[in-house]
Protein backbone atom coordinates (compact mmCIF):
# COMPACT_ATOMS: atom_id res chain seq x y z
CA UNK A 1 27.99 107.16 48.72
CA UNK A 2 27.90 106.76 52.36
CA UNK A 3 29.67 108.23 55.33
CA UNK A 4 31.40 105.62 57.15
CA UNK A 5 30.40 106.95 60.63
CA UNK A 6 27.05 106.21 61.64
CA UNK A 7 25.49 109.01 60.88
CA UNK A 8 22.31 109.04 63.27
CA UNK A 9 19.06 111.43 63.03
CA UNK A 10 18.45 112.43 66.51
CA UNK A 11 21.07 114.17 68.81
CA UNK A 12 22.81 112.95 72.23
CA UNK A 13 22.21 116.20 74.30
CA UNK A 14 23.83 114.03 77.49
CA UNK A 15 26.47 116.23 77.33
CA UNK A 16 24.14 119.52 78.89
CA UNK A 17 22.18 116.94 81.30
CA UNK A 18 21.39 113.26 82.29
CA UNK A 19 17.71 114.10 81.52
CA UNK A 20 15.34 116.69 81.49
CA UNK A 21 14.20 117.72 84.83
CA UNK A 22 16.20 115.35 86.60
CA UNK A 23 18.32 116.04 89.56
CA UNK A 24 20.98 117.41 88.36
CA UNK A 25 18.76 119.73 86.22
CA UNK A 26 17.63 120.77 89.20
CA UNK A 27 20.25 121.98 91.36
CA UNK A 28 22.06 123.41 88.74
CA UNK A 29 19.29 125.67 88.09
CA UNK A 30 18.70 126.27 91.96
CA UNK A 31 22.02 127.32 92.05
CA UNK A 32 22.24 129.61 89.35
CA UNK A 33 18.69 131.30 90.94
CA UNK A 34 20.61 131.68 94.16
CA UNK A 35 23.64 133.11 92.54
CA UNK A 36 21.68 135.60 90.60
CA UNK A 37 19.67 136.89 93.51
CA UNK A 38 23.05 137.15 95.81
CA UNK A 39 24.85 138.96 92.91
CA UNK A 40 21.88 141.21 92.05
CA UNK A 41 21.54 142.18 96.00
CA UNK A 42 25.25 142.77 96.56
CA UNK A 43 25.51 145.27 92.90
CA UNK A 44 22.59 147.01 94.00
CA UNK A 45 24.02 148.31 97.36
CA UNK A 46 27.46 149.45 95.32
CA UNK A 47 28.01 152.94 94.43
CA UNK A 48 29.12 153.88 90.92
CA UNK A 49 32.27 152.40 89.62
CA UNK A 50 34.85 154.61 90.92
CA UNK A 51 38.52 154.30 91.83
CA UNK A 52 37.95 152.83 95.08
CA UNK A 53 35.30 150.29 94.24
CA UNK A 54 37.08 148.95 91.27
CA UNK A 55 37.38 145.65 92.53
CA UNK A 56 33.78 144.97 93.77
CA UNK A 57 32.65 146.13 90.19
CA UNK A 58 35.31 143.52 88.64
CA UNK A 59 34.05 140.84 90.93
CA UNK A 60 30.43 141.61 89.90
CA UNK A 61 31.34 141.46 85.48
CA UNK A 62 33.33 138.47 86.23
CA UNK A 63 29.80 136.66 88.52
CA UNK A 64 27.40 138.24 84.92
CA UNK A 65 29.67 136.56 82.39
CA UNK A 66 29.32 133.30 84.72
CA UNK A 67 25.57 133.28 85.16
CA UNK A 68 25.25 134.31 81.96
CA UNK A 69 26.91 131.18 81.04
CA UNK A 70 25.01 129.11 82.75
CA UNK A 71 21.69 130.11 81.97
CA UNK A 72 23.06 129.94 78.10
CA UNK A 73 23.67 126.81 78.87
CA UNK A 74 20.43 125.99 80.28
CA UNK A 75 18.74 127.62 77.20
CA UNK A 76 20.57 125.90 74.80
CA UNK A 77 19.43 122.48 76.30
CA UNK A 78 15.56 123.39 76.63
CA UNK A 79 15.67 124.94 73.28
CA UNK A 80 16.75 121.45 71.74
CA UNK A 81 14.00 119.66 73.26
CA UNK A 82 11.60 121.97 72.54
CA UNK A 83 12.50 122.60 68.89
CA UNK A 84 12.71 118.55 68.87
CA UNK A 85 9.24 118.64 70.45
CA UNK A 86 7.29 121.43 69.81
CA UNK A 87 3.78 119.51 71.48
CA UNK A 88 5.47 119.16 74.82
CA UNK A 89 4.13 121.57 77.28
CA UNK A 90 6.78 120.71 79.87
CA UNK A 91 9.75 122.53 77.54
CA UNK A 92 7.24 125.05 76.95
CA UNK A 93 6.38 125.75 80.73
CA UNK A 94 10.26 125.49 81.48
CA UNK A 95 11.28 127.89 78.75
CA UNK A 96 9.12 130.28 80.00
CA UNK A 97 10.48 129.89 83.47
CA UNK A 98 13.88 130.60 81.86
CA UNK A 99 12.89 133.79 80.74
CA UNK A 100 12.08 134.61 84.12
CA UNK A 101 15.44 133.85 85.75
CA UNK A 102 16.50 135.46 82.24
CA UNK A 103 14.88 138.74 83.73
CA UNK A 104 16.88 138.79 87.57
CA UNK A 105 19.95 137.87 85.31
CA UNK A 106 19.24 140.87 82.90
CA UNK A 107 18.52 143.42 86.00
CA UNK A 108 22.52 142.48 87.04
CA UNK A 109 23.45 144.01 83.64
CA UNK A 110 21.72 147.03 84.44
CA UNK A 111 23.41 147.27 87.47
CA UNK A 112 26.56 146.59 85.32
CA UNK A 113 25.29 149.43 83.70
CA UNK A 114 24.81 152.16 86.13
CA UNK A 115 28.48 151.44 87.20
CA UNK A 116 29.67 152.49 84.27
CA UNK A 117 27.10 155.20 83.18
CA UNK A 118 28.85 159.02 83.68
CA UNK A 119 32.10 157.20 85.61
CA UNK A 120 35.78 158.86 84.90
CA UNK A 121 38.08 157.70 82.53
CA UNK A 122 40.75 157.11 85.21
CA UNK A 123 38.28 154.71 87.02
CA UNK A 124 36.95 152.61 83.45
CA UNK A 125 40.73 152.12 82.93
CA UNK A 126 41.85 150.90 86.48
CA UNK A 127 39.21 148.28 85.49
CA UNK A 128 40.08 147.15 82.69
CA UNK A 129 43.45 146.91 83.25
CA UNK A 130 41.82 144.27 86.23
CA UNK A 131 44.24 140.54 85.63
CA UNK A 132 40.54 139.18 85.84
CA UNK A 133 39.15 140.95 83.07
CA UNK A 134 42.01 140.41 80.43
CA UNK A 135 40.34 139.97 77.39
CA UNK A 136 36.85 141.29 78.37
CA UNK A 137 37.56 144.89 77.51
CA UNK A 138 35.36 144.92 74.49
CA UNK A 139 32.61 143.96 76.42
CA UNK A 140 33.52 146.24 79.05
CA UNK A 141 33.57 148.84 76.51
CA UNK A 142 30.07 148.35 74.64
CA UNK A 143 28.58 148.35 78.53
CA UNK A 144 29.61 151.84 78.66
CA UNK A 145 28.19 153.13 75.62
CA UNK A 146 25.32 151.26 76.15
CA UNK A 147 24.69 152.69 79.44
CA UNK A 148 24.75 156.23 77.94
CA UNK A 149 21.34 155.79 76.21
CA UNK A 150 19.19 153.56 78.89
CA UNK A 151 16.43 154.24 81.19
CA UNK A 152 16.76 154.74 85.23
CA UNK A 153 17.79 151.18 86.97
CA UNK A 154 14.02 151.04 88.59
CA UNK A 155 12.79 151.89 84.91
CA UNK A 156 15.02 149.15 83.33
CA UNK A 157 13.85 146.97 85.97
CA UNK A 158 10.53 146.78 85.60
CA UNK A 159 10.83 146.77 81.42
CA UNK A 160 12.93 143.17 82.22
CA UNK A 161 9.77 141.97 84.59
CA UNK A 162 7.02 143.61 82.03
CA UNK A 163 8.74 141.70 78.81
CA UNK A 164 8.48 138.32 80.62
CA UNK A 165 4.61 138.34 80.05
CA UNK A 166 4.82 141.05 77.22
CA UNK A 167 7.60 141.12 74.55
CA UNK A 168 8.55 137.69 74.78
CA UNK A 169 5.44 135.91 75.23
CA UNK A 170 4.06 136.93 71.94
CA UNK A 171 7.65 135.23 70.70
CA UNK A 172 7.07 132.02 72.88
CA UNK A 173 3.16 132.13 71.17
CA UNK A 174 4.54 132.20 67.61
CA UNK A 175 7.25 129.60 68.38
CA UNK A 176 4.11 126.98 70.33
CA UNK A 177 1.72 127.85 67.43
CA UNK A 178 3.66 127.72 64.93
CA UNK A 179 5.19 124.18 65.81
CA UNK A 180 2.16 122.47 65.99
CA UNK A 181 0.49 124.08 62.63
CA UNK A 182 0.16 121.89 60.08
CA UNK A 183 -1.57 122.15 56.50
CA UNK A 184 -3.48 119.94 53.75
CA UNK A 185 -1.13 118.93 51.04
CA UNK A 186 -2.59 118.78 47.53
CA UNK A 187 -0.33 116.58 45.73
CA UNK A 188 -0.48 116.44 41.73
CA UNK A 189 -1.91 112.98 41.47
CA UNK A 190 -5.20 113.47 43.67
CA UNK A 191 -3.79 112.72 46.68
CA UNK A 192 -4.40 114.94 50.12
CA UNK A 193 -2.07 115.02 53.30
CA UNK A 194 -1.81 116.57 56.59
CA UNK A 195 1.81 118.02 57.26
CA UNK A 196 3.43 119.87 59.59
CA UNK A 197 4.29 122.94 58.58
CA UNK A 198 7.96 122.26 59.00
CA UNK A 199 7.48 120.36 56.17
CA UNK A 200 6.07 123.45 53.74
CA UNK A 201 9.30 124.60 52.88
CA UNK A 202 11.37 121.41 51.35
CA UNK A 203 8.30 121.50 48.87
CA UNK A 204 8.89 124.39 48.30
CA UNK A 205 12.28 123.53 46.69
CA UNK A 206 10.31 120.61 44.90
CA UNK A 207 11.45 119.65 41.30
CA UNK A 208 7.58 120.00 40.40
CA UNK A 209 6.27 123.41 40.12
CA UNK A 210 2.79 121.79 40.78
CA UNK A 211 4.24 120.82 44.42
CA UNK A 212 5.20 124.37 44.95
CA UNK A 213 2.35 125.73 44.15
CA UNK A 214 0.32 123.47 45.70
CA UNK A 215 2.53 123.71 49.34
CA UNK A 216 2.71 127.45 48.92
CA UNK A 217 -1.02 127.97 48.64
CA UNK A 218 -2.32 125.45 51.05
CA UNK A 219 -0.06 126.85 53.65
CA UNK A 220 -1.13 130.00 53.12
CA UNK A 221 -4.14 128.94 53.63
CA UNK A 222 -3.23 128.37 57.25
CA UNK A 223 -1.58 131.26 57.71
CA UNK A 224 -4.88 133.18 56.82
CA UNK A 225 -6.78 131.47 59.02
CA UNK A 226 -4.31 132.72 62.14
CA UNK A 227 -3.83 136.28 60.67
CA UNK A 228 -4.84 138.59 62.76
CA UNK A 229 -3.35 136.38 65.69
CA UNK A 230 0.05 136.99 64.06
CA UNK A 231 -1.07 140.59 63.08
CA UNK A 232 -1.26 141.53 66.73
CA UNK A 233 1.83 139.35 67.76
CA UNK A 234 3.76 141.04 64.91
CA UNK A 235 2.48 144.49 66.11
CA UNK A 236 2.93 144.01 70.13
CA UNK A 237 6.73 142.82 69.40
CA UNK A 238 7.27 146.25 67.66
CA UNK A 239 5.49 148.68 69.62
CA UNK A 240 7.36 147.46 72.99
CA UNK A 241 10.20 148.20 70.98
CA UNK A 242 9.60 151.48 69.62
CA UNK A 243 8.08 152.41 73.18
CA UNK A 244 11.09 151.26 75.08
CA UNK A 245 13.50 153.44 72.40
CA UNK A 246 11.71 156.08 72.94
CA UNK A 247 12.26 156.10 76.81
CA UNK A 248 15.87 155.26 76.40
CA UNK A 249 15.99 158.06 74.11
CA UNK A 250 17.59 156.40 71.04
CA UNK A 251 16.57 158.04 68.08
CA UNK A 252 15.86 155.48 64.98
CA UNK A 253 14.85 151.81 65.40
CA UNK A 254 17.63 150.78 63.32
CA UNK A 255 20.03 151.66 66.47
CA UNK A 256 19.61 149.23 68.63
CA UNK A 257 20.23 146.27 65.54
CA UNK A 258 23.14 148.01 64.30
CA UNK A 259 24.62 148.22 68.13
CA UNK A 260 23.86 144.62 68.70
CA UNK A 261 24.96 143.75 65.40
CA UNK A 262 28.48 145.90 65.94
CA UNK A 263 28.00 147.44 63.11
CA UNK A 264 27.70 151.40 61.75
CA UNK A 265 24.95 153.14 59.55
CA UNK A 266 27.65 153.55 57.32
CA UNK A 267 28.46 150.66 56.28
CA UNK A 268 24.87 149.72 56.37
CA UNK A 269 23.79 152.08 53.95
CA UNK A 270 26.81 151.38 51.80
CA UNK A 271 26.04 147.38 51.51
CA UNK A 272 22.00 148.00 50.28
CA UNK A 273 23.53 150.86 48.23
CA UNK A 274 25.55 148.52 46.44
CA UNK A 275 22.93 146.00 46.68
CA UNK A 276 19.96 148.12 44.84
CA UNK A 277 22.99 149.38 42.29
CA UNK A 278 23.14 145.71 40.92
CA UNK A 279 20.22 144.34 41.51
CA UNK A 280 20.10 143.29 37.57
CA UNK A 281 22.50 140.46 38.41
CA UNK A 282 20.29 138.16 40.69
CA UNK A 283 17.66 139.17 38.42
CA UNK A 284 18.99 137.89 35.63
CA UNK A 285 19.90 134.61 37.48
CA UNK A 286 15.75 134.45 38.60
CA UNK A 287 14.83 134.96 34.94
CA UNK A 288 17.11 132.38 33.74
CA UNK A 289 15.07 129.87 35.96
CA UNK A 290 11.84 131.55 34.51
CA UNK A 291 12.66 130.94 31.02
CA UNK A 292 13.70 127.01 32.32
CA UNK A 293 10.18 126.26 33.48
CA UNK A 294 8.40 128.57 30.89
CA UNK A 295 7.37 131.52 32.66
CA UNK A 296 8.41 135.17 32.04
CA UNK A 297 9.70 135.07 35.42
CA UNK A 298 9.70 133.71 39.02
CA UNK A 299 7.13 133.67 41.93
CA UNK A 300 7.90 133.41 45.32
CA UNK A 301 7.60 130.04 45.79
CA UNK A 302 9.82 129.41 43.26
CA UNK A 303 12.63 130.22 44.79
CA UNK A 304 14.35 128.07 46.53
CA UNK A 305 13.77 125.46 43.99
CA UNK A 306 16.30 124.23 41.76
CA UNK A 307 16.23 125.33 37.80
CA UNK A 308 14.19 123.31 35.29
CA UNK A 309 16.85 120.87 34.66
CA UNK A 310 17.31 117.07 34.33
CA UNK A 311 16.14 115.58 37.31
CA UNK A 312 18.20 114.88 40.43
CA UNK A 313 17.75 111.84 42.53
CA UNK A 314 16.97 112.11 46.28
CA UNK A 315 20.02 113.08 48.71
CA UNK A 316 19.19 110.38 51.96
CA UNK A 317 21.04 111.75 54.77
CA UNK A 318 23.89 109.44 55.02
CA UNK A 319 25.03 110.61 51.53
CA UNK A 320 24.00 114.08 52.55
CA UNK A 321 26.75 113.72 56.01
CA UNK A 322 29.45 111.77 53.19
CA UNK A 323 28.98 114.77 50.58
CA UNK A 324 29.97 117.48 53.45
CA UNK A 325 32.70 115.59 54.64
CA UNK A 326 34.63 114.77 51.59
CA UNK A 327 34.07 119.04 50.60
CA UNK A 328 35.21 120.00 53.81
CA UNK A 329 38.08 117.32 54.13
CA UNK A 330 39.55 118.37 51.11
CA UNK A 331 39.50 121.79 51.33
CA UNK A 332 39.58 122.66 55.15
CA UNK A 333 40.57 119.17 57.07
CA UNK A 334 40.45 120.70 60.09
CA UNK A 335 36.43 121.33 59.55
CA UNK A 336 36.34 118.40 58.32
CA UNK A 337 37.46 116.42 61.12
CA UNK A 338 35.21 118.55 63.11
CA UNK A 339 32.12 117.36 61.37
CA UNK A 340 33.21 114.44 61.52
CA UNK A 341 33.41 114.42 65.31
CA UNK A 342 29.70 115.93 65.43
CA UNK A 343 28.53 113.01 63.53
CA UNK A 344 30.17 110.73 66.12
CA UNK A 345 29.19 112.02 69.14
CA UNK A 346 25.69 112.69 67.50
CA UNK A 347 26.01 116.58 67.66
CA UNK A 348 22.97 117.03 64.74
CA UNK A 349 19.41 116.09 64.86
CA UNK A 350 17.86 115.72 61.24
CA UNK A 351 15.18 113.62 61.51
CA UNK A 352 12.07 114.01 59.70
CA UNK A 353 9.12 113.51 62.10
CA UNK A 354 5.84 115.45 63.73
CA UNK A 355 6.06 117.92 65.82
CA UNK A 356 9.50 119.58 65.27
CA UNK A 357 9.33 122.87 65.00
CA UNK A 358 10.13 124.71 61.51
CA UNK A 359 13.52 125.77 60.09
CA UNK A 360 17.16 124.79 61.32
CA UNK A 361 19.69 126.66 63.82
CA UNK A 362 22.87 125.79 65.18
CA UNK A 363 22.85 126.48 68.98
CA UNK A 364 25.62 125.47 71.93
CA UNK A 365 26.92 125.92 75.43
CA UNK A 366 30.13 128.15 76.61
CA UNK A 367 30.21 125.84 79.60
CA UNK A 368 30.72 122.46 78.11
CA UNK A 369 31.81 123.81 75.06
CA UNK A 370 29.80 121.73 72.91
CA UNK A 371 27.37 122.81 69.89
CA UNK A 372 24.19 121.31 68.26
CA UNK A 373 22.84 121.78 64.53
CA UNK A 374 19.01 120.73 64.14
CA UNK A 375 17.27 120.82 60.68
CA UNK A 376 14.44 118.33 59.44
CA UNK A 377 16.66 116.86 56.17
CA UNK A 378 14.23 116.23 53.46
CA UNK A 379 16.46 114.59 51.36
CA UNK A 380 16.65 117.73 49.19
CA UNK A 381 20.04 119.14 47.83
CA UNK A 382 19.00 122.24 49.76
CA UNK A 383 18.73 120.38 53.35
CA UNK A 384 22.74 119.54 52.15
CA UNK A 385 23.57 122.89 52.00
CA UNK A 386 21.79 123.82 54.99
CA UNK A 387 23.57 121.37 56.79
CA UNK A 388 26.82 122.29 55.55
CA UNK A 389 25.71 126.23 56.75
CA UNK A 390 24.63 125.04 60.34
CA UNK A 391 27.79 123.12 60.95
CA UNK A 392 30.28 126.45 59.78
CA UNK A 393 28.24 128.04 62.67
CA UNK A 394 29.00 125.39 64.99
CA UNK A 395 32.66 125.54 64.20
CA UNK A 396 32.68 129.12 64.32
CA UNK A 397 31.99 128.22 68.02
CA UNK A 398 34.18 125.54 68.13
CA UNK A 399 37.29 128.08 67.04
CA UNK A 400 35.98 130.42 69.70
CA UNK A 401 36.25 127.82 72.12
CA UNK A 402 39.85 129.22 74.07
CA UNK A 403 38.10 132.24 74.36
CA UNK A 404 36.52 133.99 77.73
CA UNK A 405 33.13 133.72 77.29
CA UNK A 406 32.05 137.34 76.97
CA UNK A 407 35.16 136.99 74.21
CA UNK A 408 32.41 134.61 72.39
CA UNK A 409 29.47 136.85 72.32
CA UNK A 410 29.90 137.59 68.49
CA UNK A 411 27.03 139.63 66.77
CA UNK A 412 25.27 138.03 64.01
CA UNK A 413 26.56 140.09 61.38
CA UNK A 414 29.56 138.08 61.73
CA UNK A 415 27.85 134.83 63.02
CA UNK A 416 26.81 134.55 59.27
CA UNK A 417 30.16 134.72 57.67
CA UNK A 418 31.33 131.41 58.95
CA UNK A 419 28.02 129.63 57.89
CA UNK A 420 28.17 130.96 54.36
CA UNK A 421 31.91 129.91 53.93
CA UNK A 422 31.04 126.62 55.32
CA UNK A 423 28.21 126.50 51.98
CA UNK A 424 30.45 127.82 49.69
CA UNK A 425 33.11 125.03 50.28
CA UNK A 426 30.82 122.06 50.02
CA UNK A 427 29.36 123.74 46.08
CA UNK A 428 33.01 124.76 44.95
CA UNK A 429 33.99 121.18 46.51
CA UNK A 430 31.59 119.30 44.51
CA UNK A 431 31.85 121.46 41.71
CA UNK A 432 35.75 119.78 41.73
CA UNK A 433 34.43 116.62 41.27
CA UNK A 434 35.89 115.04 37.84
CA UNK A 435 33.84 113.40 35.17
CA UNK A 436 30.54 115.98 36.02
CA UNK A 437 28.14 115.73 32.88
CA UNK A 438 26.93 119.11 31.94
CA UNK A 439 23.64 118.57 33.54
CA UNK A 440 25.48 117.81 37.12
CA UNK A 441 27.91 120.59 36.57
CA UNK A 442 24.66 122.59 35.66
CA UNK A 443 22.74 121.41 38.93
CA UNK A 444 25.71 122.80 41.11
CA UNK A 445 26.44 125.79 39.27
CA UNK A 446 22.58 126.71 39.97
CA UNK A 447 22.92 125.66 43.69
CA UNK A 448 25.37 128.48 43.82
CA UNK A 449 23.56 130.94 41.95
CA UNK A 450 20.27 130.72 43.34
CA UNK A 451 21.69 131.75 46.55
CA UNK A 452 22.57 135.08 45.51
CA UNK A 453 19.05 135.70 44.72
CA UNK A 454 18.09 134.69 48.44
CA UNK A 455 20.79 137.01 49.71
CA UNK A 456 20.76 139.78 47.44
CA UNK A 457 16.96 140.25 46.72
CA UNK A 458 15.10 138.14 49.39
CA UNK A 459 16.70 139.37 52.50
CA UNK A 460 16.90 143.06 51.05
CA UNK A 461 13.04 142.71 50.48
CA UNK A 462 12.60 141.37 54.44
CA UNK A 463 14.33 144.34 55.28
CA UNK A 464 12.94 146.97 52.81
CA UNK A 465 9.58 145.30 54.73
CA UNK A 466 10.68 145.30 58.24
CA UNK A 467 11.81 149.62 57.59
CA UNK A 468 8.65 150.70 56.28
CA UNK A 469 6.90 148.25 58.87
CA UNK A 470 8.30 150.23 61.70
CA UNK A 471 8.16 153.92 59.86
CA UNK A 472 4.44 153.47 59.74
CA UNK A 473 3.85 151.41 63.79
CA UNK A 474 5.51 154.43 65.04
CA UNK A 475 2.29 156.58 64.29
CA UNK A 476 0.06 153.29 65.65
CA UNK A 477 -0.91 149.55 64.88
CA UNK A 478 -0.35 148.33 61.44
CA UNK A 479 -3.42 146.06 60.35
CA UNK A 480 -3.10 142.53 58.19
CA UNK A 481 -4.57 144.56 55.06
CA UNK A 482 -1.61 146.93 55.30
CA UNK A 483 0.83 144.31 56.42
CA UNK A 484 0.48 142.44 53.31
CA UNK A 485 0.53 145.51 50.91
CA UNK A 486 4.09 146.34 52.74
CA UNK A 487 4.96 142.93 52.46
CA UNK A 488 3.90 142.61 48.33
CA UNK A 489 5.39 146.25 47.80
CA UNK A 490 8.62 145.39 49.23
CA UNK A 491 8.81 142.06 46.83
CA UNK A 492 7.61 143.94 43.77
CA UNK A 493 10.23 146.83 44.47
CA UNK A 494 13.34 144.80 45.11
CA UNK A 495 12.77 141.52 42.31
CA UNK A 496 11.62 144.09 40.01
CA UNK A 497 10.75 142.27 36.63
CA UNK A 498 12.35 139.09 37.82
CA UNK A 499 8.91 138.00 39.90
CA UNK A 500 6.08 136.88 37.61
CA UNK A 501 2.77 139.30 37.87
CA UNK A 502 0.58 137.73 40.79
CA UNK A 503 3.48 136.09 41.93
CA UNK A 504 4.32 137.64 45.40
CA UNK A 505 3.60 136.25 48.75
CA UNK A 506 1.51 138.07 51.01
CA UNK A 507 1.94 136.36 53.67
CA UNK A 508 5.71 135.86 53.85
CA UNK A 509 5.31 138.28 56.97
CA UNK A 510 3.78 135.39 58.62
CA UNK A 511 5.28 132.62 57.93
CA UNK A 512 8.81 134.03 58.63
CA UNK A 513 9.69 133.17 61.81
CA UNK A 514 12.37 136.07 61.73
CA UNK A 515 10.15 138.81 62.32
CA UNK A 516 8.58 137.62 65.48
CA UNK A 517 12.10 136.86 67.78
CA UNK A 518 11.61 139.18 70.57
CA UNK A 519 15.03 139.47 71.63
CA UNK A 520 16.50 141.10 68.31
CA UNK A 521 14.89 143.25 65.45
CA UNK A 522 15.94 143.54 61.79
CA UNK A 523 17.68 139.91 61.66
CA UNK A 524 17.43 140.05 57.88
CA UNK A 525 20.57 142.28 56.63
CA UNK A 526 23.13 140.68 58.90
CA UNK A 527 22.49 137.59 56.54
CA UNK A 528 23.68 139.64 53.82
CA UNK A 529 26.49 141.01 55.46
CA UNK A 530 27.32 138.13 55.97
CA UNK A 531 27.09 136.22 52.69
CA UNK A 532 28.99 139.12 51.08
CA UNK A 533 31.63 139.29 53.62
CA UNK A 534 32.20 135.57 53.27
CA UNK A 535 32.36 135.74 49.48
CA UNK A 536 35.26 138.38 50.11
CA UNK A 537 37.16 135.79 52.45
CA UNK A 538 36.35 133.06 50.44
CA UNK A 539 38.13 134.57 47.44
CA UNK A 540 40.92 135.79 49.13
CA UNK A 541 41.07 131.94 50.35
CA UNK A 542 41.61 130.83 46.47
CA UNK A 543 43.50 133.22 45.77
CA UNK A 544 46.01 132.19 48.84
CA UNK A 545 44.93 128.28 49.39
CA UNK A 546 45.96 126.66 52.84
CA UNK A 547 48.17 129.48 54.04
CA UNK A 548 44.69 131.80 54.20
CA UNK A 549 43.02 129.27 56.73
CA UNK A 550 44.90 130.31 59.49
CA UNK A 551 44.01 134.15 59.47
CA UNK A 552 40.59 132.80 58.97
CA UNK A 553 40.46 131.25 61.90
CA UNK A 554 42.00 134.55 63.47
CA UNK A 555 39.33 136.53 62.02
CA UNK A 556 36.68 134.20 63.53
CA UNK A 557 38.45 134.47 66.96
CA UNK A 558 38.47 138.26 66.57
CA UNK A 559 34.43 138.22 66.00
CA UNK A 560 33.63 138.67 69.80
CA UNK A 561 35.75 141.16 70.68
CA UNK A 562 35.75 143.92 68.04
CA UNK A 563 33.14 145.99 65.29
CA UNK A 564 32.72 144.58 62.15
CA UNK A 565 34.99 147.14 60.95
CA UNK A 566 37.54 146.35 62.76
CA UNK A 567 37.57 142.70 62.46
CA UNK A 568 37.57 143.26 58.37
CA UNK A 569 40.06 145.68 58.28
CA UNK A 570 42.40 143.07 60.86
CA UNK A 571 41.94 140.61 58.50
CA UNK A 572 41.16 142.32 54.74
CA UNK A 573 42.73 144.94 55.37
CA UNK A 574 39.36 146.85 53.38
CA UNK A 575 36.97 149.32 54.37
CA UNK A 576 33.65 148.02 54.63
CA UNK A 577 31.81 151.34 54.72
CA UNK A 578 32.39 151.66 51.06
CA UNK A 579 29.91 151.07 48.77
CA UNK A 580 32.61 149.68 46.59
CA UNK A 581 33.70 146.51 48.57
CA UNK A 582 30.45 145.81 48.49
CA UNK A 583 29.45 145.90 45.02
CA UNK A 584 32.80 143.48 44.40
CA UNK A 585 31.44 140.63 46.68
CA UNK A 586 27.72 140.80 44.55
CA UNK A 587 30.56 140.81 40.72
CA UNK A 588 31.31 137.30 42.46
CA UNK A 589 28.65 135.68 41.36
CA UNK A 590 29.10 137.11 37.56
CA UNK A 591 31.64 134.08 36.76
CA UNK A 592 29.12 131.07 37.77
CA UNK A 593 26.29 132.79 36.23
CA UNK A 594 27.92 133.18 32.96
CA UNK A 595 29.37 129.37 32.93
CA UNK A 596 25.40 128.19 34.03
CA UNK A 597 23.84 130.63 30.97
CA UNK A 598 26.47 128.75 28.71
CA UNK A 599 25.53 124.92 30.11
CA UNK A 600 22.11 125.33 29.37
CA UNK A 601 21.76 125.45 25.42
CA UNK A 602 24.06 122.29 25.86
CA UNK A 603 21.12 120.08 27.90
CA UNK A 604 17.71 119.02 26.81
CA UNK A 605 14.93 120.26 28.84
CA UNK A 606 11.60 120.55 29.10
CA UNK A 607 9.74 123.20 30.57
C-alpha cells in the first residue's frame, strides 16, 4: 500500500533558515550572541533575589528562556545537517561553535541559580507572582532546588568554559568518529561489501541469522580497532561528571540523572525491583525465539531480529508511511493528521546513503514550533516501528506548542512515553486488520512481544553496566578489559539462560552511543520508564476508547511542568513509587506472548 502523499526521503530544513551559514543564519547567531553577552553582564551586577529587585530578575529569567529557545533553534538546525552528512567538517565546526555559545548561556543560567540560592520564601513567592512568569513556576522551583547544590559562580563559570573542550569535546569526538565508520560485510553468498556503520543495526534485524552474525562480528572488528580511543572518551566523560559531583557536594552519581529526569529514587528502585522480579516473562519470549531458530537461547545480535517465522517481504518507504498513517488515523485521528502534515511538509529524513550518522532521533524548535524526524529506512518492519516511535516524540512536542518554552522542557522519562504510545498504536492497528494469516498475525505479535525483552532486559542491562562502571570509575580509570567484563556480566545477569553461552557482546559499551552523550548520564532507564508507563496509558486507552485521548494530551502538556510522580498521579491516579504499578505494566506482555506461543505450532517452519 502506497501513501497518497509524496513521502519524500530527504527532509526540508528551510523552516529553520534558507541555507547554512547564509546571511539570515549569521545575523540570527550574532544577534543571539550579543543578547547573551548583554544579559550575562547585567545579571552579574545584580544582587541575589530580594523583594526589592524582583522585576530585574524576572526580566533575566524571561531573557534566559528567550535566548535558550533561539539557541535550541540553531542547535536543532545544525544537528540535523550534521546527522544527515557526518563527513561535512563545516557542520562539525559549527556544532563546536554553538557549544561555546551554549557555555555562555550556561553562565547566565548560573547567575539565575545564584539569584535564587538562599533567597527568602517571600521574595521567591513575589517572583513567581510576576505575570511575565505565569506558567514558569515549575522551572523556577527546580532552579531553586538545583541552586542548593552548585559550586560558586566563578567555579561554575570555569566549569562551563572547560566543558567545551573537555567533556563535550569527547562526545563530539565519538559522534565524528562513528559517523565516518565503515565495516566490511561478509554476506552468506561470499560477497564482501564495505558499508557505513549506520547500516549495521538494520542488518542485525535481518531474517537470516548468518547475516546478523556477520554484521555483528565484522562490526565488532572495527569497534575493537578503536577500543582504546573509545575507552578514553568514556572514562573522560564519566570522570568529569564524578569530579563535578564531588565539588557540587552531590552524594550519588545517580542524583543528577534523576533530577534531570524529574523522578525520585523511590520510583527508580521500585521500577527496577519489579523488572528483576518478573524477568521470567521477557526471557520466555527470547527462549521462544531461540527454539524457533534452533538454538537453546539467543545471542546478543539476535535481539532485534524477527522470530524464525515465514519470511516477510521488504517494506519500502512509501508502504511504511502508509502503514503508519492508517494505524494512526484509525485509532487517533489527530495523530494521523499530524503525521500526514509531516509528510506533506517533508519533515522526515529517511534516505539510506553513506555518511549518515547511525541511529534515529526527533528534534525540533520551540521558536518556529516545527519538528523533524531522522532515521535511515532500510526497508524493514523495525524501521517502520522506529518511524512510529519518532513521530510519537514529534507529536508530543506538537501538543506542547501552546505552552511557553520553559514548560516544554520535559524530562526524558516522560518523553519516551509518547514515542512508545506511538509504537503501540501502530502494532495494534496492524493486528486489527481482517484476513490476517496465522503467519502474518504471528509476525505482528512478534513485533509487539519482541519489544519487551528490548526494554525490560536490554535497557536494564545497560543500566546495570553503567551503574557498576560509575562505581568503579570513582576509584580510577576503568581499562578496556574491565569495560568488556562489566558489559558481559551485566548482560549475563539480566538475560540469564535466555542468552546462549558465548552470546554476549563485550563491545556494546563502545557501539552504543547513549553511553557517550556528554550532556546527560544514564540515558537508559528513562526508556524503560517510558515503555512501562506507556503500557499503563495504552491499557487505559483501550478500556476507555477515544474519551481517553483528551486526557492523554493533557498528560503530555503536563510533562514539562511537573515531576513524573505528579504527572502520573494527576492523569492515572496511581502511585508510581510502588513496585506493584510497574509489575502490572510488565505483565501486560503476558497476553500477546500467550497468543504467539499458541500460534507457533500452527506454522510450518524450518530452524
